[in-house]
Amino acid sequence: MVAELAVQGLAMGAVYALVAVGFALIFGTTKTFHFAHGATYALSAYAFVGITALVHNVILGIVGAVLSACIFGVGLDRWVYQPMRRKTAASFLTIFVASMGALYVVENAIGLIAGTTPFIRSSAITVTHKVLGLSLPAIDGVAVGVALIVFIGLTWFLNRTTIGRGLRALGDDPDLVAVVGGSLSHFYLWAFAIGSALAVPAAVLSVYIIGGQPNMGDTIIDIAVAATIVGGVGSLPGAAIGALLLGMAQTLTLAVLPSIWQNAVGFGLLFLVIVLRPQGIMAPLNRRKA
């Protein structure tokens, strides 16, 4: 029982980590509190389900979800956040409120278009198999494997490509962006595109693991923000570790307590970590200068 819950927690933590790392990448590089990242997650899930149902092809469904996520994320930055930064010298709180508004607008739009009935999809990867005496759905292993592949690829991209090094420079000091070549707006575009795309595998996996509904972005963005703070603002590995801790804590809670206590125990654990280590589990080596 506990071993099965631990594996399920690892899979759920992997889903959380994908969203948290995307949020942390955007926040760490652009300093934009992109609360609407939860809307990107929900939009990706519904785009995947809708396109897959229409063309009966999972790959095309994933491609469509990636395009939807990137267009939404980049578009929101280009036509909402950037004008606010340029014309009104918008404060951190002002952009946060605008982002939160975008989240609720998208969620309500999804509900109006697709309906509010919760759903969950099944396929060959949701079938339960016996592994070392444990009853485990294949989707749990797929979730962990996908997360590992994505994080390895992201690490390579940030360390080995010009754009990746530019994003790292942007997170450390915007003045360094000129050294690697390119404008701030250019790297902002890449930050939002990549960060938004990271929500897609999480959304697709969620469709098969926990299902979806229009407001599915609410809880996931709370988790992403908490994981980013617990992991250490600016640290992508820290955000992933914080998300994994929450996923494990929430799921293992079911071994001793009813499901209603999952969020209380999970966020309680993260709160304890923040109290004991306010700078986060893995504070970044480089911080943006004041």
Protein backbone atom coordinates (compact mmCIF):
# COMPACT_ATOMS: atom_id res chain seq x y z
CA MET A 1 0.00 0.00 0.00
CA VAL A 2 2.65 2.53 1.07
CA ALA A 3 5.00 1.50 -1.74
CA GLU A 4 2.23 1.93 -4.32
CA LEU A 5 1.37 5.35 -2.89
CA ALA A 6 5.03 6.34 -3.01
CA VAL A 7 5.21 5.54 -6.73
CA GLN A 8 1.97 7.42 -7.36
CA GLY A 9 3.36 10.34 -5.38
CA LEU A 10 6.52 10.33 -7.47
CA ALA A 11 4.41 10.43 -10.64
CA MET A 12 2.23 13.24 -9.33
CA GLY A 13 5.33 15.09 -8.16
CA ALA A 14 6.76 14.79 -11.67
CA VAL A 15 3.63 16.45 -13.09
CA TYR A 16 3.85 19.22 -10.50
CA ALA A 17 7.55 19.65 -11.22
CA LEU A 18 6.98 20.24 -14.95
CA VAL A 19 4.58 23.10 -14.20
CA ALA A 20 6.72 24.48 -11.36
CA VAL A 21 9.89 24.57 -13.46
CA GLY A 22 8.05 26.39 -16.24
CA PHE A 23 6.77 28.98 -13.78
CA ALA A 24 10.20 29.26 -12.13
CA LEU A 25 11.89 29.76 -15.50
CA ILE A 26 9.57 32.64 -16.42
CA PHE A 27 9.72 34.24 -12.98
CA GLY A 28 13.45 33.72 -12.54
CA THR A 29 14.36 35.30 -15.89
CA THR A 30 11.72 38.01 -16.43
CA LYS A 31 10.68 38.64 -12.80
CA THR A 32 7.08 38.39 -13.99
CA PHE A 33 4.77 36.71 -11.49
CA HIS A 34 2.99 34.78 -14.23
CA PHE A 35 0.03 33.48 -12.25
CA ALA A 36 -1.74 32.83 -15.57
CA HIS A 37 0.66 29.90 -16.03
CA GLY A 38 -2.19 27.91 -14.49
CA ALA A 39 -4.35 28.95 -17.45
CA THR A 40 -1.63 27.73 -19.82
CA TYR A 41 -1.83 24.34 -18.13
CA ALA A 42 -5.63 24.17 -18.39
CA LEU A 43 -5.66 25.46 -21.96
CA SER A 44 -3.07 22.85 -22.97
CA ALA A 45 -5.12 20.02 -21.48
CA TYR A 46 -8.29 21.06 -23.29
CA ALA A 47 -6.43 21.72 -26.55
CA PHE A 48 -4.90 18.25 -26.38
CA VAL A 49 -8.21 16.53 -25.67
CA GLY A 50 -10.09 18.54 -28.29
CA ILE A 51 -7.55 18.09 -31.08
CA THR A 52 -7.02 14.41 -30.30
CA ALA A 53 -10.77 13.80 -30.42
CA LEU A 54 -10.97 15.65 -33.73
CA VAL A 55 -8.07 14.07 -35.62
CA HIS A 56 -7.66 10.83 -33.62
CA ASN A 57 -3.92 11.35 -33.36
CA VAL A 58 -2.15 11.84 -30.03
CA ILE A 59 0.99 13.32 -31.58
CA LEU A 60 -0.99 16.01 -33.40
CA GLY A 61 -2.87 16.62 -30.17
CA ILE A 62 0.41 17.26 -28.34
CA VAL A 63 1.68 19.54 -31.12
CA GLY A 64 -1.56 21.50 -31.01
CA ALA A 65 -1.31 21.80 -27.23
CA VAL A 66 2.28 23.10 -27.48
CA LEU A 67 1.25 25.70 -30.05
CA SER A 68 -1.73 26.76 -27.92
CA ALA A 69 0.44 27.08 -24.81
CA CYS A 70 3.19 29.07 -26.52
CA ILE A 71 0.81 31.40 -28.34
CA PHE A 72 -1.06 32.12 -25.11
CA GLY A 73 2.06 32.64 -22.98
CA VAL A 74 3.98 34.72 -25.50
CA GLY A 75 0.86 36.66 -26.48
CA LEU A 76 0.06 37.53 -22.88
CA ASP A 77 3.57 38.85 -22.36
CA ARG A 78 3.67 40.74 -25.65
CA TRP A 79 0.24 42.37 -25.47
CA VAL A 80 -0.43 42.62 -21.73
CA TYR A 81 2.72 42.51 -19.61
CA GLN A 82 5.11 44.41 -21.90
CA PRO A 83 2.77 47.41 -22.51
CA MET A 84 2.23 47.60 -18.75
CA ARG A 85 5.98 47.61 -18.14
CA ARG A 86 6.65 50.29 -20.77
CA LYS A 87 3.73 52.70 -20.36
CA THR A 88 2.80 52.53 -16.70
CA ALA A 89 5.97 51.26 -15.01
CA ALA A 90 3.69 48.61 -13.59
CA SER A 91 4.59 47.28 -10.18
CA PHE A 92 5.05 43.61 -9.34
CA LEU A 93 1.58 43.60 -7.75
CA THR A 94 -0.10 45.25 -10.75
CA ILE A 95 1.21 42.61 -13.15
CA PHE A 96 0.27 39.87 -10.69
CA VAL A 97 -3.34 41.11 -10.58
CA ALA A 98 -3.47 41.30 -14.39
CA SER A 99 -2.10 37.77 -14.60
CA MET A 100 -4.59 36.45 -12.06
CA GLY A 101 -7.38 38.10 -14.06
CA ALA A 102 -6.16 36.37 -17.21
CA LEU A 103 -6.25 33.02 -15.39
CA TYR A 104 -9.90 33.42 -14.41
CA VAL A 105 -10.93 34.77 -17.82
CA VAL A 106 -9.42 31.74 -19.56
CA GLU A 107 -10.93 29.29 -17.09
CA ASN A 108 -14.39 30.77 -17.55
CA ALA A 109 -13.96 30.82 -21.32
CA ILE A 110 -13.04 27.12 -21.26
CA GLY A 111 -16.12 26.40 -19.17
CA LEU A 112 -18.38 28.28 -21.59
CA ILE A 113 -16.94 26.55 -24.65
CA ALA A 114 -16.24 23.02 -23.41
CA GLY A 115 -18.59 22.77 -20.45
CA THR A 116 -17.83 22.39 -16.77
CA THR A 117 -18.14 18.62 -16.43
CA PRO A 118 -14.92 17.03 -15.09
CA PHE A 119 -13.35 14.38 -17.34
CA ILE A 120 -10.59 11.80 -17.37
CA ARG A 121 -9.17 9.88 -20.32
CA SER A 122 -8.14 6.25 -20.44
CA SER A 123 -5.80 4.42 -22.79
CA ALA A 124 -3.32 1.56 -22.83
CA ILE A 125 -0.96 3.51 -20.55
CA THR A 126 -3.58 3.81 -17.80
CA VAL A 127 -3.93 0.03 -17.44
CA THR A 128 -2.65 -1.32 -14.12
CA HIS A 129 0.15 -3.89 -14.16
CA LYS A 130 1.78 -6.02 -11.50
CA VAL A 131 5.38 -4.91 -10.91
CA LEU A 132 7.35 -6.57 -8.09
CA GLY A 133 4.08 -7.41 -6.41
CA LEU A 134 2.78 -3.84 -6.71
CA SER A 135 -0.27 -2.81 -8.72
CA LEU A 136 0.90 0.19 -10.75
CA PRO A 137 -0.54 1.94 -13.81
CA ALA A 138 1.94 2.37 -16.64
CA ILE A 139 1.19 6.10 -16.71
CA ASP A 140 3.13 6.52 -13.45
CA GLY A 141 6.33 5.32 -15.07
CA VAL A 142 5.60 7.38 -18.18
CA ALA A 143 5.18 10.53 -16.05
CA VAL A 144 8.53 10.08 -14.31
CA GLY A 145 10.29 9.20 -17.56
CA VAL A 146 8.85 12.18 -19.44
CA ALA A 147 9.82 14.57 -16.64
CA LEU A 148 13.40 13.25 -16.59
CA ILE A 149 13.75 13.59 -20.37
CA VAL A 150 12.33 17.11 -20.34
CA PHE A 151 14.60 18.26 -17.50
CA ILE A 152 17.71 16.77 -19.09
CA GLY A 153 16.85 18.48 -22.36
CA LEU A 154 16.14 21.78 -20.62
CA THR A 155 19.45 21.63 -18.73
CA TRP A 156 21.34 21.01 -21.96
CA PHE A 157 19.48 23.86 -23.69
CA LEU A 158 20.18 26.40 -20.94
CA ASN A 159 23.86 25.50 -20.72
CA ARG A 160 24.80 24.73 -24.31
CA THR A 161 22.87 27.12 -26.55
CA THR A 162 23.14 30.86 -27.12
CA ILE A 163 19.50 31.39 -26.26
CA GLY A 164 19.86 29.30 -23.11
CA ARG A 165 22.90 31.26 -21.96
CA GLY A 166 21.02 34.46 -22.72
CA LEU A 167 18.15 33.37 -20.49
CA ARG A 168 20.56 32.57 -17.69
CA ALA A 169 22.17 35.99 -18.13
CA LEU A 170 18.74 37.62 -18.07
CA GLY A 171 17.97 35.94 -14.75
CA ASP A 172 21.27 37.06 -13.25
CA ASP A 173 21.56 40.59 -14.63
CA PRO A 174 19.66 42.05 -17.63
CA ASP A 175 22.72 44.12 -18.55
CA LEU A 176 24.54 40.88 -19.37
CA VAL A 177 22.05 40.12 -22.14
CA ALA A 178 23.91 42.53 -24.45
CA VAL A 179 27.05 40.42 -23.99
CA VAL A 180 25.44 37.29 -25.46
CA GLY A 181 23.62 39.31 -28.09
CA GLY A 182 19.93 40.10 -28.40
CA SER A 183 17.36 42.38 -26.87
CA LEU A 184 15.43 41.96 -23.65
CA SER A 185 12.15 41.51 -25.52
CA HIS A 186 13.75 38.74 -27.61
CA PHE A 187 14.75 36.74 -24.55
CA TYR A 188 11.45 37.49 -22.81
CA LEU A 189 9.74 35.86 -25.78
CA TRP A 190 11.91 32.75 -25.41
CA ALA A 191 11.36 32.61 -21.65
CA PHE A 192 7.58 32.65 -22.04
CA ALA A 193 7.62 30.24 -24.98
CA ILE A 194 9.78 27.64 -23.22
CA GLY A 195 8.14 28.11 -19.83
CA SER A 196 4.68 27.75 -21.38
CA ALA A 197 5.70 24.67 -23.39
CA LEU A 198 6.81 22.96 -20.16
CA ALA A 199 3.19 23.00 -18.98
CA VAL A 200 2.12 20.83 -21.91
CA PRO A 201 3.55 17.43 -20.86
CA ALA A 202 2.15 18.05 -17.38
CA ALA A 203 -1.29 18.85 -18.82
CA VAL A 204 -1.29 15.81 -21.11
CA LEU A 205 -0.23 13.50 -18.29
CA SER A 206 -2.85 14.99 -15.97
CA VAL A 207 -5.60 14.18 -18.46
CA TYR A 208 -4.83 10.48 -17.85
CA ILE A 209 -3.82 10.59 -14.17
CA ILE A 210 -6.27 12.93 -12.41
CA GLY A 211 -8.46 14.22 -15.24
CA GLY A 212 -9.37 17.80 -15.94
CA GLN A 213 -11.92 20.57 -15.53
CA PRO A 214 -11.96 24.29 -16.43
CA ASN A 215 -10.50 25.43 -13.09
CA MET A 216 -7.76 22.78 -13.04
CA GLY A 217 -5.15 25.54 -13.23
CA ASP A 218 -6.03 26.97 -9.80
CA THR A 219 -4.43 24.29 -7.65
CA ILE A 220 -1.50 23.62 -9.97
CA ILE A 221 -0.37 27.26 -9.99
CA ASP A 222 -0.56 27.39 -6.19
CA ILE A 223 1.67 24.33 -6.12
CA ALA A 224 4.06 25.83 -8.69
CA VAL A 225 4.43 29.05 -6.70
CA ALA A 226 4.96 27.17 -3.43
CA ALA A 227 7.49 24.82 -5.01
CA THR A 228 9.41 27.75 -6.53
CA ILE A 229 9.68 29.48 -3.16
CA VAL A 230 10.55 26.32 -1.25
CA GLY A 231 13.13 25.28 -3.83
CA GLY A 232 14.76 28.70 -3.86
CA VAL A 233 13.59 31.48 -6.16
CA GLY A 234 15.68 31.33 -9.33
CA SER A 235 16.64 27.67 -8.92
CA LEU A 236 14.99 25.35 -11.45
CA PRO A 237 16.23 22.15 -9.73
CA GLY A 238 14.93 23.59 -6.46
CA ALA A 239 11.47 24.14 -7.95
CA ALA A 240 11.45 20.55 -9.22
CA ILE A 241 12.49 19.19 -5.81
CA GLY A 242 9.87 21.30 -4.03
CA ALA A 243 7.18 19.98 -6.38
CA LEU A 244 8.31 16.38 -5.88
CA LEU A 245 8.18 16.82 -2.11
CA LEU A 246 4.63 18.11 -2.32
CA GLY A 247 3.51 15.31 -4.63
CA MET A 248 4.99 12.66 -2.35
CA ALA A 249 3.58 14.26 0.80
CA GLN A 250 0.09 14.60 -0.63
CA THR A 251 -0.06 11.01 -1.84
CA LEU A 252 1.55 9.35 1.20
CA THR A 253 -0.96 11.19 3.38
CA LEU A 254 -3.60 8.79 2.03
CA ALA A 255 -1.91 5.95 3.95
CA VAL A 256 -3.02 7.41 7.27
CA LEU A 257 -5.55 10.19 6.60
CA PRO A 258 -8.59 10.85 4.38
CA SER A 259 -7.97 12.60 1.05
CA ILE A 260 -9.39 15.87 2.39
CA TRP A 261 -6.13 16.30 4.33
CA GLN A 262 -3.84 15.98 1.31
CA ASN A 263 -3.37 19.69 0.62
CA ALA A 264 -3.13 20.57 4.31
CA VAL A 265 -0.33 18.08 4.91
CA GLY A 266 1.47 18.87 1.67
CA PHE A 267 1.46 22.64 2.04
CA GLY A 268 2.11 22.27 5.78
CA LEU A 269 5.33 20.43 4.94
CA LEU A 270 6.35 23.16 2.50
CA PHE A 271 5.56 25.81 5.12
CA LEU A 272 7.83 24.00 7.57
CA VAL A 273 10.65 23.96 5.01
CA ILE A 274 10.24 27.71 4.43
CA VAL A 275 10.38 28.39 8.17
CA LEU A 276 13.52 26.30 8.64
CA ARG A 277 15.22 27.45 5.42
CA PRO A 278 13.73 30.75 4.19
CA GLN A 279 16.17 31.03 1.28
CA GLY A 280 14.89 27.74 -0.12
CA ILE A 281 16.29 24.25 -0.47
CA MET A 282 18.57 25.17 -3.35
CA ALA A 283 19.20 28.90 -3.42
CA PRO A 284 20.65 29.83 -6.84
CA LEU A 285 24.37 30.46 -7.13
CA ASN A 286 23.79 33.67 -9.04
CA ARG A 287 21.21 36.29 -8.16
CA ARG A 288 20.13 39.36 -10.03
CA LYS A 289 21.83 42.45 -8.67
CA ALA A 290 19.72 45.08 -6.97
